[in-house]
């Protein structure tokens, strides 16, 4: 199952709880802020999501959907830094 955090953020009461409850079914995490800024730039509780993924020893795929924030390079750098900070 692909866990699309954009839609989960709209529908779920707790992203962290949903990840922990359904961890056996998750094979792909897809990050997208509602404003499409890079991971770590407002809206999604990235630290809590990272804690949940670490608690289930998640070793599946992570993808990110982000529009150019300042420019494509800044978007990529911000996204990579956040992934390393919260999920490494």
PDB file of N, CA and C in Angstrom:
ATOM      1  N   UNK A   1       0.845  -1.170   0.000  1.00  0.00           N
ATOM      2  CA  UNK A   1       0.000   0.000   0.000  1.00  0.00           C
ATOM      3  C   UNK A   1       0.892   1.235   0.000  1.00  0.00           C
ATOM      4  N   UNK A   2       0.505   2.229  -0.760  1.00  0.00           N
ATOM      5  CA  UNK A   2       1.158   3.518  -0.750  1.00  0.00           C
ATOM      6  C   UNK A   2       0.421   4.398   0.255  1.00  0.00           C
ATOM      7  N   UNK A   3       1.128   4.885   1.246  1.00  0.00           N
ATOM      8  CA  UNK A   3       0.548   5.798   2.231  1.00  0.00           C
ATOM      9  C   UNK A   3       0.804   7.219   1.755  1.00  0.00           C
ATOM     10  N   UNK A   4      -0.228   7.860   1.254  1.00  0.00           N
ATOM     11  CA  UNK A   4      -0.132   9.210   0.705  1.00  0.00           C
ATOM     12  C   UNK A   4      -0.434  10.201   1.827  1.00  0.00           C
ATOM     13  N   UNK A   5       0.616  10.824   2.333  1.00  0.00           N
ATOM     14  CA  UNK A   5       0.462  11.685   3.510  1.00  0.00           C
ATOM     15  C   UNK A   5      -0.363  12.929   3.249  1.00  0.00           C
ATOM     16  N   UNK A   6      -0.442  13.387   2.019  1.00  0.00           N
ATOM     17  CA  UNK A   6      -1.294  14.524   1.706  1.00  0.00           C
ATOM     18  C   UNK A   6      -2.747  14.175   2.032  1.00  0.00           C
ATOM     19  N   UNK A   7      -3.203  13.035   1.538  1.00  0.00           N
ATOM     20  CA  UNK A   7      -4.584  12.644   1.767  1.00  0.00           C
ATOM     21  C   UNK A   7      -4.801  12.125   3.191  1.00  0.00           C
ATOM     22  N   UNK A   8      -3.828  11.457   3.740  1.00  0.00           N
ATOM     23  CA  UNK A   8      -3.945  11.005   5.126  1.00  0.00           C
ATOM     24  C   UNK A   8      -4.091  12.199   6.054  1.00  0.00           C
ATOM     25  N   UNK A   9      -3.375  13.291   5.768  1.00  0.00           N
ATOM     26  CA  UNK A   9      -3.436  14.496   6.582  1.00  0.00           C
ATOM     27  C   UNK A   9      -4.840  15.089   6.593  1.00  0.00           C
ATOM     28  N   UNK A  10      -5.581  14.899   5.522  1.00  0.00           N
ATOM     29  CA  UNK A  10      -6.941  15.400   5.423  1.00  0.00           C
ATOM     30  C   UNK A  10      -7.917  14.479   6.160  1.00  0.00           C
ATOM     31  N   UNK A  11      -7.687  13.168   6.042  1.00  0.00           N
ATOM     32  CA  UNK A  11      -8.686  12.199   6.479  1.00  0.00           C
ATOM     33  C   UNK A  11      -8.435  11.566   7.849  1.00  0.00           C
ATOM     34  N   UNK A  12      -7.197  11.459   8.261  1.00  0.00           N
ATOM     35  CA  UNK A  12      -6.874  10.754   9.501  1.00  0.00           C
ATOM     36  C   UNK A  12      -6.772  11.718  10.677  1.00  0.00           C
ATOM     37  N   UNK A  13      -7.198  11.269  11.843  1.00  0.00           N
ATOM     38  CA  UNK A  13      -7.060  12.096  13.045  1.00  0.00           C
ATOM     39  C   UNK A  13      -5.609  12.200  13.476  1.00  0.00           C
ATOM     40  N   UNK A  14      -4.858  11.120  13.310  1.00  0.00           N
ATOM     41  CA  UNK A  14      -3.451  11.107  13.702  1.00  0.00           C
ATOM     42  C   UNK A  14      -2.643  10.328  12.660  1.00  0.00           C
ATOM     43  N   UNK A  15      -1.744  11.024  11.986  1.00  0.00           N
ATOM     44  CA  UNK A  15      -0.884  10.354  11.014  1.00  0.00           C
ATOM     45  C   UNK A  15      -0.017   9.306  11.699  1.00  0.00           C
ATOM     46  N   UNK A  16       0.520   9.669  12.842  1.00  0.00           N
ATOM     47  CA  UNK A  16       1.395   8.774  13.592  1.00  0.00           C
ATOM     48  C   UNK A  16       0.657   7.484  13.969  1.00  0.00           C
ATOM     49  N   UNK A  17      -0.547   7.609  14.509  1.00  0.00           N
ATOM     50  CA  UNK A  17      -1.326   6.430  14.899  1.00  0.00           C
ATOM     51  C   UNK A  17      -1.685   5.575  13.692  1.00  0.00           C
ATOM     52  N   UNK A  18      -2.055   6.201  12.587  1.00  0.00           N
ATOM     53  CA  UNK A  18      -2.412   5.450  11.385  1.00  0.00           C
ATOM     54  C   UNK A  18      -1.234   4.643  10.852  1.00  0.00           C
ATOM     55  N   UNK A  19      -0.065   5.239  10.866  1.00  0.00           N
ATOM     56  CA  UNK A  19       1.139   4.537  10.412  1.00  0.00           C
ATOM     57  C   UNK A  19       1.405   3.332  11.304  1.00  0.00           C
ATOM     58  N   UNK A  20       1.297   3.528  12.607  1.00  0.00           N
ATOM     59  CA  UNK A  20       1.580   2.439  13.551  1.00  0.00           C
ATOM     60  C   UNK A  20       0.541   1.323  13.433  1.00  0.00           C
ATOM     61  N   UNK A  21      -0.722   1.676  13.273  1.00  0.00           N
ATOM     62  CA  UNK A  21      -1.781   0.669  13.179  1.00  0.00           C
ATOM     63  C   UNK A  21      -1.675  -0.145  11.883  1.00  0.00           C
ATOM     64  N   UNK A  22      -1.380   0.517  10.776  1.00  0.00           N
ATOM     65  CA  UNK A  22      -1.401  -0.150   9.471  1.00  0.00           C
ATOM     66  C   UNK A  22      -0.012  -0.452   8.919  1.00  0.00           C
ATOM     67  N   UNK A  23       1.007  -0.478   9.765  1.00  0.00           N
ATOM     68  CA  UNK A  23       2.388  -0.608   9.321  1.00  0.00           C
ATOM     69  C   UNK A  23       2.644  -1.845   8.473  1.00  0.00           C
ATOM     70  N   UNK A  24       1.971  -2.928   8.730  1.00  0.00           N
ATOM     71  CA  UNK A  24       2.230  -4.157   7.967  1.00  0.00           C
ATOM     72  C   UNK A  24       1.830  -4.027   6.502  1.00  0.00           C
ATOM     73  N   UNK A  25       0.936  -3.125   6.209  1.00  0.00           N
ATOM     74  CA  UNK A  25       0.457  -2.947   4.840  1.00  0.00           C
ATOM     75  C   UNK A  25       1.217  -1.881   4.056  1.00  0.00           C
ATOM     76  N   UNK A  26       2.008  -1.067   4.739  1.00  0.00           N
ATOM     77  CA  UNK A  26       2.660   0.064   4.080  1.00  0.00           C
ATOM     78  C   UNK A  26       3.971  -0.386   3.428  1.00  0.00           C
ATOM     79  N   UNK A  27       4.083  -0.148   2.135  1.00  0.00           N
ATOM     80  CA  UNK A  27       5.308  -0.463   1.414  1.00  0.00           C
ATOM     81  C   UNK A  27       5.920   0.762   0.769  1.00  0.00           C
ATOM     82  N   UNK A  28       5.191   1.881   0.831  1.00  0.00           N
ATOM     83  CA  UNK A  28       5.663   3.097   0.172  1.00  0.00           C
ATOM     84  C   UNK A  28       5.042   4.294   0.880  1.00  0.00           C
ATOM     85  N   UNK A  29       5.874   5.217   1.322  1.00  0.00           N
ATOM     86  CA  UNK A  29       5.403   6.462   1.940  1.00  0.00           C
ATOM     87  C   UNK A  29       5.564   7.586   0.920  1.00  0.00           C
ATOM     88  N   UNK A  30       4.498   8.329   0.700  1.00  0.00           N
ATOM     89  CA  UNK A  30       4.527   9.440  -0.261  1.00  0.00           C
ATOM     90  C   UNK A  30       4.251  10.738   0.482  1.00  0.00           C
ATOM     91  N   UNK A  31       5.244  11.631   0.475  1.00  0.00           N
ATOM     92  CA  UNK A  31       5.137  12.912   1.157  1.00  0.00           C
ATOM     93  C   UNK A  31       4.726  13.998   0.178  1.00  0.00           C
ATOM     94  N   UNK A  32       3.740  14.788   0.579  1.00  0.00           N
ATOM     95  CA  UNK A  32       3.340  15.973  -0.174  1.00  0.00           C
ATOM     96  C   UNK A  32       2.638  16.905   0.801  1.00  0.00           C
ATOM     97  N   UNK A  33       3.208  18.070   1.000  1.00  0.00           N
ATOM     98  CA  UNK A  33       2.551  19.088   1.811  1.00  0.00           C
ATOM     99  C   UNK A  33       1.369  19.641   1.035  1.00  0.00           C
ATOM    100  N   UNK A  34       0.316  20.061   1.721  1.00  0.00           N
ATOM    101  CA  UNK A  34      -0.826  20.654   1.016  1.00  0.00           C
ATOM    102  C   UNK A  34      -0.431  21.841   0.136  1.00  0.00           C
ATOM    103  N   UNK A  35       0.595  22.588   0.540  1.00  0.00           N
ATOM    104  CA  UNK A  35       1.044  23.723  -0.264  1.00  0.00           C
ATOM    105  C   UNK A  35       2.159  23.333  -1.231  1.00  0.00           C
ATOM    106  N   UNK A  36       2.506  22.059  -1.240  1.00  0.00           N
ATOM    107  CA  UNK A  36       3.530  21.461  -2.116  1.00  0.00           C
ATOM    108  C   UNK A  36       4.946  21.995  -1.863  1.00  0.00           C
ATOM    109  N   UNK A  37       5.154  22.588  -0.681  1.00  0.00           N
ATOM    110  CA  UNK A  37       6.523  22.955  -0.307  1.00  0.00           C
ATOM    111  C   UNK A  37       7.303  21.684   0.021  1.00  0.00           C
ATOM    112  N   UNK A  38       8.620  21.765   0.049  1.00  0.00           N
ATOM    113  CA  UNK A  38       9.434  20.585   0.351  1.00  0.00           C
ATOM    114  C   UNK A  38       9.144  20.019   1.743  1.00  0.00           C
ATOM    115  N   UNK A  39       9.520  18.770   1.943  1.00  0.00           N
ATOM    116  CA  UNK A  39       9.372  18.121   3.250  1.00  0.00           C
ATOM    117  C   UNK A  39      10.059  18.978   4.305  1.00  0.00           C
ATOM    118  N   UNK A  40       9.397  19.152   5.435  1.00  0.00           N
ATOM    119  CA  UNK A  40       9.955  19.945   6.518  1.00  0.00           C
ATOM    120  C   UNK A  40       9.561  21.401   6.473  1.00  0.00           C
ATOM    121  N   UNK A  41       8.857  21.799   5.443  1.00  0.00           N
ATOM    122  CA  UNK A  41       8.433  23.191   5.311  1.00  0.00           C
ATOM    123  C   UNK A  41       6.935  23.283   5.600  1.00  0.00           C
ATOM    124  N   UNK A  42       6.587  23.413   6.847  1.00  0.00           N
ATOM    125  CA  UNK A  42       5.210  23.592   7.338  1.00  0.00           C
ATOM    126  C   UNK A  42       4.263  22.430   7.051  1.00  0.00           C
ATOM    127  N   UNK A  43       3.116  22.512   7.627  1.00  0.00           N
ATOM    128  CA  UNK A  43       1.957  21.624   7.507  1.00  0.00           C
ATOM    129  C   UNK A  43       2.151  20.225   8.068  1.00  0.00           C
ATOM    130  N   UNK A  44       2.832  19.320   7.376  1.00  0.00           N
ATOM    131  CA  UNK A  44       2.926  17.941   7.862  1.00  0.00           C
ATOM    132  C   UNK A  44       3.797  17.849   9.104  1.00  0.00           C
ATOM    133  N   UNK A  45       3.372  17.092  10.110  1.00  0.00           N
ATOM    134  CA  UNK A  45       4.177  16.901  11.329  1.00  0.00           C
ATOM    135  C   UNK A  45       5.299  15.883  11.054  1.00  0.00           C
ATOM    136  N   UNK A  46       6.321  16.339  10.371  1.00  0.00           N
ATOM    137  CA  UNK A  46       7.375  15.448   9.870  1.00  0.00           C
ATOM    138  C   UNK A  46       8.095  14.719  11.001  1.00  0.00           C
ATOM    139  N   UNK A  47       8.367  15.389  12.104  1.00  0.00           N
ATOM    140  CA  UNK A  47       9.063  14.732  13.219  1.00  0.00           C
ATOM    141  C   UNK A  47       8.226  13.569  13.755  1.00  0.00           C
ATOM    142  N   UNK A  48       6.928  13.765  13.911  1.00  0.00           N
ATOM    143  CA  UNK A  48       6.048  12.698  14.402  1.00  0.00           C
ATOM    144  C   UNK A  48       5.965  11.546  13.401  1.00  0.00           C
ATOM    145  N   UNK A  49       5.915  11.866  12.129  1.00  0.00           N
ATOM    146  CA  UNK A  49       5.887  10.831  11.091  1.00  0.00           C
ATOM    147  C   UNK A  49       7.185  10.039  11.131  1.00  0.00           C
ATOM    148  N   UNK A  50       8.306  10.743  11.262  1.00  0.00           N
ATOM    149  CA  UNK A  50       9.602  10.074  11.367  1.00  0.00           C
ATOM    150  C   UNK A  50       9.669   9.155  12.572  1.00  0.00           C
ATOM    151  N   UNK A  51       9.162   9.614  13.707  1.00  0.00           N
ATOM    152  CA  UNK A  51       9.141   8.775  14.915  1.00  0.00           C
ATOM    153  C   UNK A  51       8.312   7.514  14.691  1.00  0.00           C
ATOM    154  N   UNK A  52       7.156   7.673  14.039  1.00  0.00           N
ATOM    155  CA  UNK A  52       6.297   6.520  13.770  1.00  0.00           C
ATOM    156  C   UNK A  52       6.995   5.531  12.848  1.00  0.00           C
ATOM    157  N   UNK A  53       7.646   6.036  11.803  1.00  0.00           N
ATOM    158  CA  UNK A  53       8.347   5.148  10.870  1.00  0.00           C
ATOM    159  C   UNK A  53       9.506   4.429  11.549  1.00  0.00           C
ATOM    160  N   UNK A  54      10.220   5.132  12.407  1.00  0.00           N
ATOM    161  CA  UNK A  54      11.311   4.491  13.150  1.00  0.00           C
ATOM    162  C   UNK A  54      10.776   3.441  14.115  1.00  0.00           C
ATOM    163  N   UNK A  55       9.638   3.718  14.735  1.00  0.00           N
ATOM    164  CA  UNK A  55       9.084   2.776  15.716  1.00  0.00           C
ATOM    165  C   UNK A  55       8.642   1.462  15.074  1.00  0.00           C
ATOM    166  N   UNK A  56       8.291   1.506  13.792  1.00  0.00           N
ATOM    167  CA  UNK A  56       7.889   0.275  13.098  1.00  0.00           C
ATOM    168  C   UNK A  56       9.030  -0.302  12.273  1.00  0.00           C
ATOM    169  N   UNK A  57      10.220   0.307  12.398  1.00  0.00           N
ATOM    170  CA  UNK A  57      11.403  -0.117  11.627  1.00  0.00           C
ATOM    171  C   UNK A  57      11.104  -0.136  10.132  1.00  0.00           C
ATOM    172  N   UNK A  58      10.474   0.929   9.654  1.00  0.00           N
ATOM    173  CA  UNK A  58      10.098   1.036   8.250  1.00  0.00           C
ATOM    174  C   UNK A  58      11.323   0.978   7.355  1.00  0.00           C
ATOM    175  N   UNK A  59      11.276   0.105   6.365  1.00  0.00           N
ATOM    176  CA  UNK A  59      12.401   0.008   5.428  1.00  0.00           C
ATOM    177  C   UNK A  59      11.921   0.011   3.980  1.00  0.00           C
ATOM    178  N   UNK A  60      10.724   0.569   3.769  1.00  0.00           N
ATOM    179  CA  UNK A  60      10.175   0.650   2.419  1.00  0.00           C
ATOM    180  C   UNK A  60      10.612   1.929   1.723  1.00  0.00           C
ATOM    181  N   UNK A  61       9.924   2.220   0.656  1.00  0.00           N
ATOM    182  CA  UNK A  61      10.247   3.394  -0.159  1.00  0.00           C
ATOM    183  C   UNK A  61       9.659   4.667   0.427  1.00  0.00           C
ATOM    184  N   UNK A  62      10.338   5.790   0.139  1.00  0.00           N
ATOM    185  CA  UNK A  62       9.835   7.119   0.464  1.00  0.00           C
ATOM    186  C   UNK A  62       9.946   7.949  -0.804  1.00  0.00           C
ATOM    187  N   UNK A  63       8.845   8.574  -1.188  1.00  0.00           N
ATOM    188  CA  UNK A  63       8.890   9.499  -2.320  1.00  0.00           C
ATOM    189  C   UNK A  63       8.358  10.846  -1.863  1.00  0.00           C
ATOM    190  N   UNK A  64       8.690  11.871  -2.625  1.00  0.00           N
ATOM    191  CA  UNK A  64       8.304  13.227  -2.260  1.00  0.00           C
ATOM    192  C   UNK A  64       7.761  13.947  -3.487  1.00  0.00           C
ATOM    193  N   UNK A  65       6.673  14.658  -3.279  1.00  0.00           N
ATOM    194  CA  UNK A  65       6.119  15.532  -4.315  1.00  0.00           C
ATOM    195  C   UNK A  65       6.262  16.960  -3.812  1.00  0.00           C
ATOM    196  N   UNK A  66       7.046  17.761  -4.511  1.00  0.00           N
ATOM    197  CA  UNK A  66       7.248  19.153  -4.107  1.00  0.00           C
ATOM    198  C   UNK A  66       7.425  20.008  -5.351  1.00  0.00           C
ATOM    199  N   UNK A  67       6.727  21.110  -5.364  1.00  0.00           N
ATOM    200  CA  UNK A  67       6.911  22.059  -6.448  1.00  0.00           C
ATOM    201  C   UNK A  67       8.151  22.894  -6.160  1.00  0.00           C
ATOM    202  N   UNK A  68       8.639  23.546  -7.173  1.00  0.00           N
ATOM    203  CA  UNK A  68       9.801  24.408  -6.981  1.00  0.00           C
ATOM    204  C   UNK A  68       9.445  25.489  -5.974  1.00  0.00           C
ATOM    205  N   UNK A  69      10.188  25.513  -4.898  1.00  0.00           N
ATOM    206  CA  UNK A  69       9.907  26.411  -3.783  1.00  0.00           C
ATOM    207  C   UNK A  69      10.542  27.769  -4.062  1.00  0.00           C
ATOM    208  N   UNK A  70      11.822  27.854  -4.002  1.00  0.00           N
ATOM    209  CA  UNK A  70      12.533  29.058  -4.458  1.00  0.00           C
ATOM    210  C   UNK A  70      13.066  28.813  -5.859  1.00  0.00           C
ATOM    211  N   UNK A  71      13.653  27.639  -6.006  1.00  0.00           N
ATOM    212  CA  UNK A  71      14.157  27.157  -7.281  1.00  0.00           C
ATOM    213  C   UNK A  71      14.316  25.648  -7.139  1.00  0.00           C
ATOM    214  N   UNK A  72      14.461  24.916  -8.228  1.00  0.00           N
ATOM    215  CA  UNK A  72      14.525  23.455  -8.129  1.00  0.00           C
ATOM    216  C   UNK A  72      15.652  22.938  -7.228  1.00  0.00           C
ATOM    217  N   UNK A  73      16.809  23.574  -7.281  1.00  0.00           N
ATOM    218  CA  UNK A  73      17.931  23.108  -6.464  1.00  0.00           C
ATOM    219  C   UNK A  73      17.659  23.291  -4.976  1.00  0.00           C
ATOM    220  N   UNK A  74      17.107  24.442  -4.591  1.00  0.00           N
ATOM    221  CA  UNK A  74      16.773  24.676  -3.181  1.00  0.00           C
ATOM    222  C   UNK A  74      15.712  23.694  -2.697  1.00  0.00           C
ATOM    223  N   UNK A  75      14.767  23.401  -3.552  1.00  0.00           N
ATOM    224  CA  UNK A  75      13.728  22.429  -3.216  1.00  0.00           C
ATOM    225  C   UNK A  75      14.339  21.062  -2.957  1.00  0.00           C
ATOM    226  N   UNK A  76      15.221  20.636  -3.845  1.00  0.00           N
ATOM    227  CA  UNK A  76      15.871  19.327  -3.695  1.00  0.00           C
ATOM    228  C   UNK A  76      16.723  19.281  -2.431  1.00  0.00           C
ATOM    229  N   UNK A  77      17.500  20.325  -2.171  1.00  0.00           N
ATOM    230  CA  UNK A  77      18.362  20.357  -0.987  1.00  0.00           C
ATOM    231  C   UNK A  77      17.523  20.295   0.286  1.00  0.00           C
ATOM    232  N   UNK A  78      16.478  21.116   0.372  1.00  0.00           N
ATOM    233  CA  UNK A  78      15.606  21.118   1.557  1.00  0.00           C
ATOM    234  C   UNK A  78      14.989  19.748   1.771  1.00  0.00           C
ATOM    235  N   UNK A  79      14.526  19.126   0.712  1.00  0.00           N
ATOM    236  CA  UNK A  79      13.904  17.810   0.811  1.00  0.00           C
ATOM    237  C   UNK A  79      14.901  16.765   1.290  1.00  0.00           C
ATOM    238  N   UNK A  80      16.077  16.744   0.716  1.00  0.00           N
ATOM    239  CA  UNK A  80      17.109  15.767   1.100  1.00  0.00           C
ATOM    240  C   UNK A  80      17.531  15.967   2.550  1.00  0.00           C
ATOM    241  N   UNK A  81      17.725  17.209   2.962  1.00  0.00           N
ATOM    242  CA  UNK A  81      18.112  17.481   4.352  1.00  0.00           C
ATOM    243  C   UNK A  81      17.034  17.010   5.326  1.00  0.00           C
ATOM    244  N   UNK A  82      15.776  17.239   4.997  1.00  0.00           N
ATOM    245  CA  UNK A  82      14.689  16.803   5.876  1.00  0.00           C
ATOM    246  C   UNK A  82      14.602  15.284   5.939  1.00  0.00           C
ATOM    247  N   UNK A  83      14.748  14.627   4.814  1.00  0.00           N
ATOM    248  CA  UNK A  83      14.711  13.159   4.799  1.00  0.00           C
ATOM    249  C   UNK A  83      15.831  12.617   5.688  1.00  0.00           C
ATOM    250  N   UNK A  84      17.016  13.172   5.557  1.00  0.00           N
ATOM    251  CA  UNK A  84      18.140  12.714   6.382  1.00  0.00           C
ATOM    252  C   UNK A  84      17.901  13.010   7.864  1.00  0.00           C
ATOM    253  N   UNK A  85      17.364  14.176   8.160  1.00  0.00           N
ATOM    254  CA  UNK A  85      17.133  14.571   9.562  1.00  0.00           C
ATOM    255  C   UNK A  85      16.085  13.701  10.234  1.00  0.00           C
ATOM    256  N   UNK A  86      14.983  13.459   9.571  1.00  0.00           N
ATOM    257  CA  UNK A  86      13.863  12.794  10.219  1.00  0.00           C
ATOM    258  C   UNK A  86      13.771  11.293   9.996  1.00  0.00           C
ATOM    259  N   UNK A  87      14.443  10.784   8.963  1.00  0.00           N
ATOM    260  CA  UNK A  87      14.231   9.380   8.611  1.00  0.00           C
ATOM    261  C   UNK A  87      15.491   8.542   8.551  1.00  0.00           C
ATOM    262  N   UNK A  88      16.632   9.128   8.784  1.00  0.00           N
ATOM    263  CA  UNK A  88      17.882   8.363   8.710  1.00  0.00           C
ATOM    264  C   UNK A  88      18.200   7.721  10.051  1.00  0.00           C
TER     265      UNK A  88
END
